[in-house]
PDB file of N, CA and C in Angstrom:
ATOM      1  N   MET A   1       0.792  -1.209   0.000  1.00  0.00           N
ATOM      2  CA  MET A   1       0.000   0.000   0.000  1.00  0.00           C
ATOM      3  C   MET A   1       0.828   1.263   0.000  1.00  0.00           C
ATOM      4  N   GLY A   2       1.919   1.290   0.699  1.00  0.00           N
ATOM      5  CA  GLY A   2       2.739   2.479   0.826  1.00  0.00           C
ATOM      6  C   GLY A   2       3.765   2.616  -0.289  1.00  0.00           C
ATOM      7  N   GLU A   3       3.462   2.098  -1.472  1.00  0.00           N
ATOM      8  CA  GLU A   3       4.417   2.179  -2.576  1.00  0.00           C
ATOM      9  C   GLU A   3       4.543   3.601  -3.087  1.00  0.00           C
ATOM     10  N   GLU A   4       5.785   4.020  -3.272  1.00  0.00           N
ATOM     11  CA  GLU A   4       6.052   5.332  -3.859  1.00  0.00           C
ATOM     12  C   GLU A   4       6.336   5.133  -5.337  1.00  0.00           C
ATOM     13  N   LYS A   5       5.806   6.013  -6.161  1.00  0.00           N
ATOM     14  CA  LYS A   5       6.097   5.946  -7.582  1.00  0.00           C
ATOM     15  C   LYS A   5       7.486   6.529  -7.805  1.00  0.00           C
ATOM     16  N   VAL A   6       8.357   5.728  -8.396  1.00  0.00           N
ATOM     17  CA  VAL A   6       9.720   6.177  -8.653  1.00  0.00           C
ATOM     18  C   VAL A   6       9.742   6.854 -10.018  1.00  0.00           C
ATOM     19  N   GLU A   7      10.128   8.110 -10.037  1.00  0.00           N
ATOM     20  CA  GLU A   7      10.251   8.846 -11.296  1.00  0.00           C
ATOM     21  C   GLU A   7      11.534   8.410 -11.983  1.00  0.00           C
ATOM     22  N   LYS A   8      11.487   8.370 -13.308  1.00  0.00           N
ATOM     23  CA  LYS A   8      12.662   7.964 -14.080  1.00  0.00           C
ATOM     24  C   LYS A   8      12.941   8.978 -15.170  1.00  0.00           C
ATOM     25  N   CYS A   9      14.205   9.083 -15.528  1.00  0.00           N
ATOM     26  CA  CYS A   9      14.632   9.930 -16.637  1.00  0.00           C
ATOM     27  C   CYS A   9      14.043   9.361 -17.929  1.00  0.00           C
ATOM     28  N   MET A  10      13.485  10.215 -18.759  1.00  0.00           N
ATOM     29  CA  MET A  10      12.887   9.764 -20.027  1.00  0.00           C
ATOM     30  C   MET A  10      13.941   9.292 -21.022  1.00  0.00           C
ATOM     31  N   ILE A  11      15.186   9.692 -20.831  1.00  0.00           N
ATOM     32  CA  ILE A  11      16.249   9.351 -21.774  1.00  0.00           C
ATOM     33  C   ILE A  11      16.953   8.049 -21.383  1.00  0.00           C
ATOM     34  N   CYS A  12      17.483   8.000 -20.159  1.00  0.00           N
ATOM     35  CA  CYS A  12      18.278   6.839 -19.760  1.00  0.00           C
ATOM     36  C   CYS A  12      17.532   5.848 -18.859  1.00  0.00           C
ATOM     37  N   GLY A  13      16.412   6.262 -18.276  1.00  0.00           N
ATOM     38  CA  GLY A  13      15.616   5.375 -17.437  1.00  0.00           C
ATOM     39  C   GLY A  13      16.096   5.250 -16.002  1.00  0.00           C
ATOM     40  N   LYS A  14      17.130   5.986 -15.637  1.00  0.00           N
ATOM     41  CA  LYS A  14      17.626   5.945 -14.261  1.00  0.00           C
ATOM     42  C   LYS A  14      16.700   6.762 -13.370  1.00  0.00           C
ATOM     43  N   PRO A  15      16.639   6.426 -12.076  1.00  0.00           N
ATOM     44  CA  PRO A  15      15.799   7.201 -11.161  1.00  0.00           C
ATOM     45  C   PRO A  15      16.198   8.680 -11.176  1.00  0.00           C
ATOM     46  N   SER A  16      15.197   9.547 -11.236  1.00  0.00           N
ATOM     47  CA  SER A  16      15.448  10.985 -11.293  1.00  0.00           C
ATOM     48  C   SER A  16      14.240  11.725 -10.756  1.00  0.00           C
ATOM     49  N   LYS A  17      14.468  12.832 -10.094  1.00  0.00           N
ATOM     50  CA  LYS A  17      13.375  13.652  -9.592  1.00  0.00           C
ATOM     51  C   LYS A  17      12.777  14.513 -10.696  1.00  0.00           C
ATOM     52  N   THR A  18      13.495  14.640 -11.808  1.00  0.00           N
ATOM     53  CA  THR A  18      13.030  15.459 -12.926  1.00  0.00           C
ATOM     54  C   THR A  18      12.765  14.574 -14.142  1.00  0.00           C
ATOM     55  N   THR A  19      12.108  15.118 -15.138  1.00  0.00           N
ATOM     56  CA  THR A  19      11.767  14.368 -16.345  1.00  0.00           C
ATOM     57  C   THR A  19      13.010  13.869 -17.062  1.00  0.00           C
ATOM     58  N   ILE A  20      14.035  14.726 -17.140  1.00  0.00           N
ATOM     59  CA  ILE A  20      15.315  14.360 -17.744  1.00  0.00           C
ATOM     60  C   ILE A  20      16.396  14.610 -16.694  1.00  0.00           C
ATOM     61  N   CYS A  21      17.201  13.586 -16.403  1.00  0.00           N
ATOM     62  CA  CYS A  21      18.226  13.725 -15.362  1.00  0.00           C
ATOM     63  C   CYS A  21      19.300  14.727 -15.784  1.00  0.00           C
ATOM     64  N   ARG A  22      20.055  15.168 -14.843  1.00  0.00           N
ATOM     65  CA  ARG A  22      21.076  16.190 -15.064  1.00  0.00           C
ATOM     66  C   ARG A  22      22.121  15.740 -16.090  1.00  0.00           C
ATOM     67  N   ALA A  23      22.551  14.483 -15.994  1.00  0.00           N
ATOM     68  CA  ALA A  23      23.573  13.970 -16.910  1.00  0.00           C
ATOM     69  C   ALA A  23      23.070  13.973 -18.353  1.00  0.00           C
ATOM     70  N   CYS A  24      21.843  13.511 -18.556  1.00  0.00           N
ATOM     71  CA  CYS A  24      21.281  13.497 -19.914  1.00  0.00           C
ATOM     72  C   CYS A  24      21.033  14.915 -20.408  1.00  0.00           C
ATOM     73  N   GLU A  25      20.593  15.779 -19.519  1.00  0.00           N
ATOM     74  CA  GLU A  25      20.364  17.178 -19.887  1.00  0.00           C
ATOM     75  C   GLU A  25      21.659  17.820 -20.371  1.00  0.00           C
ATOM     76  N   ASP A  26      22.738  17.587 -19.652  1.00  0.00           N
ATOM     77  CA  ASP A  26      24.044  18.139 -20.044  1.00  0.00           C
ATOM     78  C   ASP A  26      24.504  17.576 -21.391  1.00  0.00           C
ATOM     79  N   LYS A  27      24.300  16.275 -21.597  1.00  0.00           N
ATOM     80  CA  LYS A  27      24.704  15.643 -22.852  1.00  0.00           C
ATOM     81  C   LYS A  27      23.917  16.225 -24.029  1.00  0.00           C
ATOM     82  N   ILE A  28      22.615  16.372 -23.863  1.00  0.00           N
ATOM     83  CA  ILE A  28      21.770  16.923 -24.929  1.00  0.00           C
ATOM     84  C   ILE A  28      22.160  18.366 -25.231  1.00  0.00           C
ATOM     85  N   ARG A  29      22.393  19.139 -24.192  1.00  0.00           N
ATOM     86  CA  ARG A  29      22.788  20.538 -24.374  1.00  0.00           C
ATOM     87  C   ARG A  29      24.126  20.622 -25.103  1.00  0.00           C
ATOM     88  N   GLY A  30      25.081  19.762 -24.744  1.00  0.00           N
ATOM     89  CA  GLY A  30      26.389  19.745 -25.395  1.00  0.00           C
ATOM     90  C   GLY A  30      26.280  19.398 -26.870  1.00  0.00           C
ATOM     91  N   GLU A  31      25.427  18.415 -27.187  1.00  0.00           N
ATOM     92  CA  GLU A  31      25.232  18.028 -28.592  1.00  0.00           C
ATOM     93  C   GLU A  31      24.630  19.182 -29.383  1.00  0.00           C
ATOM     94  N   ALA A  32      23.703  19.912 -28.780  1.00  0.00           N
ATOM     95  CA  ALA A  32      23.071  21.043 -29.459  1.00  0.00           C
ATOM     96  C   ALA A  32      24.088  22.158 -29.728  1.00  0.00           C
ATOM     97  N   VAL A  33      24.960  22.407 -28.772  1.00  0.00           N
ATOM     98  CA  VAL A  33      25.982  23.443 -28.941  1.00  0.00           C
ATOM     99  C   VAL A  33      26.951  23.047 -30.054  1.00  0.00           C
ATOM    100  N   GLU A  34      27.369  21.780 -30.063  1.00  0.00           N
ATOM    101  CA  GLU A  34      28.276  21.310 -31.118  1.00  0.00           C
ATOM    102  C   GLU A  34      27.636  21.467 -32.497  1.00  0.00           C
ATOM    103  N   LYS A  35      26.364  21.115 -32.611  1.00  0.00           N
ATOM    104  CA  LYS A  35      25.655  21.236 -33.885  1.00  0.00           C
ATOM    105  C   LYS A  35      25.581  22.695 -34.318  1.00  0.00           C
ATOM    106  N   LYS A  36      25.311  23.584 -33.382  1.00  0.00           N
ATOM    107  CA  LYS A  36      25.222  25.013 -33.685  1.00  0.00           C
ATOM    108  C   LYS A  36      26.572  25.540 -34.173  1.00  0.00           C
ATOM    109  N   ILE A  37      27.645  25.136 -33.505  1.00  0.00           N
ATOM    110  CA  ILE A  37      28.989  25.577 -33.895  1.00  0.00           C
ATOM    111  C   ILE A  37      29.327  25.099 -35.299  1.00  0.00           C
ATOM    112  N   ARG A  38      29.029  23.827 -35.605  1.00  0.00           N
ATOM    113  CA  ARG A  38      29.295  23.296 -36.953  1.00  0.00           C
ATOM    114  C   ARG A  38      28.502  24.053 -38.005  1.00  0.00           C
ATOM    115  N   ARG A  39      27.235  24.341 -37.708  1.00  0.00           N
ATOM    116  CA  ARG A  39      26.377  25.044 -38.663  1.00  0.00           C
ATOM    117  C   ARG A  39      26.893  26.466 -38.898  1.00  0.00           C
ATOM    118  N   GLU A  40      27.276  27.151 -37.825  1.00  0.00           N
ATOM    119  CA  GLU A  40      27.787  28.517 -37.962  1.00  0.00           C
ATOM    120  C   GLU A  40      29.126  28.536 -38.680  1.00  0.00           C
ATOM    121  N   LYS A  41      29.973  27.554 -38.386  1.00  0.00           N
ATOM    122  CA  LYS A  41      31.285  27.475 -39.020  1.00  0.00           C
ATOM    123  C   LYS A  41      31.137  27.261 -40.522  1.00  0.00           C
ATOM    124  N   ALA A  42      30.209  26.439 -40.922  1.00  0.00           N
ATOM    125  CA  ALA A  42      29.984  26.150 -42.342  1.00  0.00           C
ATOM    126  C   ALA A  42      29.548  27.425 -43.077  1.00  0.00           C
ATOM    127  N   GLY A  43      28.819  28.285 -42.432  1.00  0.00           N
ATOM    128  CA  GLY A  43      28.352  29.518 -43.056  1.00  0.00           C
ATOM    129  C   GLY A  43      29.399  30.605 -43.097  1.00  0.00           C
ATOM    130  N   ARG A  44      30.459  30.488 -42.324  1.00  0.00           N
ATOM    131  CA  ARG A  44      31.484  31.535 -42.243  1.00  0.00           C
ATOM    132  C   ARG A  44      32.631  31.348 -43.219  1.00  0.00           C
ATOM    133  N   ILE A  45      32.771  30.231 -43.832  1.00  0.00           N
ATOM    134  CA  ILE A  45      33.938  29.925 -44.679  1.00  0.00           C
ATOM    135  C   ILE A  45      34.138  30.993 -45.741  1.00  0.00           C
ATOM    136  N   ASP A  46      33.096  31.333 -46.477  1.00  0.00           N
ATOM    137  CA  ASP A  46      33.217  32.331 -47.532  1.00  0.00           C
ATOM    138  C   ASP A  46      33.465  33.729 -46.979  1.00  0.00           C
ATOM    139  N   LYS A  47      32.889  34.054 -45.860  1.00  0.00           N
ATOM    140  CA  LYS A  47      33.023  35.383 -45.280  1.00  0.00           C
ATOM    141  C   LYS A  47      34.445  35.655 -44.776  1.00  0.00           C
ATOM    142  N   GLU A  48      35.125  34.622 -44.266  1.00  0.00           N
ATOM    143  CA  GLU A  48      36.461  34.786 -43.719  1.00  0.00           C
ATOM    144  C   GLU A  48      37.517  34.980 -44.811  1.00  0.00           C
ATOM    145  N   LYS A  49      37.294  34.503 -45.997  1.00  0.00           N
ATOM    146  CA  LYS A  49      38.284  34.563 -47.076  1.00  0.00           C
ATOM    147  C   LYS A  49      38.360  35.941 -47.718  1.00  0.00           C
ATOM    148  N   LYS A  50      37.404  36.811 -47.487  1.00  0.00           N
ATOM    149  CA  LYS A  50      37.385  38.143 -48.120  1.00  0.00           C
ATOM    150  C   LYS A  50      38.474  39.044 -47.623  1.00  0.00           C
TER     151      LYS A  50
END
């Protein structure tokens, strides 16, 4: 009767008080930053050569 519902991270499934645990949140944020840097770098190639 006294069962507590254990919340889990939606990404890795480990117990977490939040929807996405801190480790997964950091990983996702890092991947997004890397993607943004690559996209911006690709657009700057022609501008830097002038």
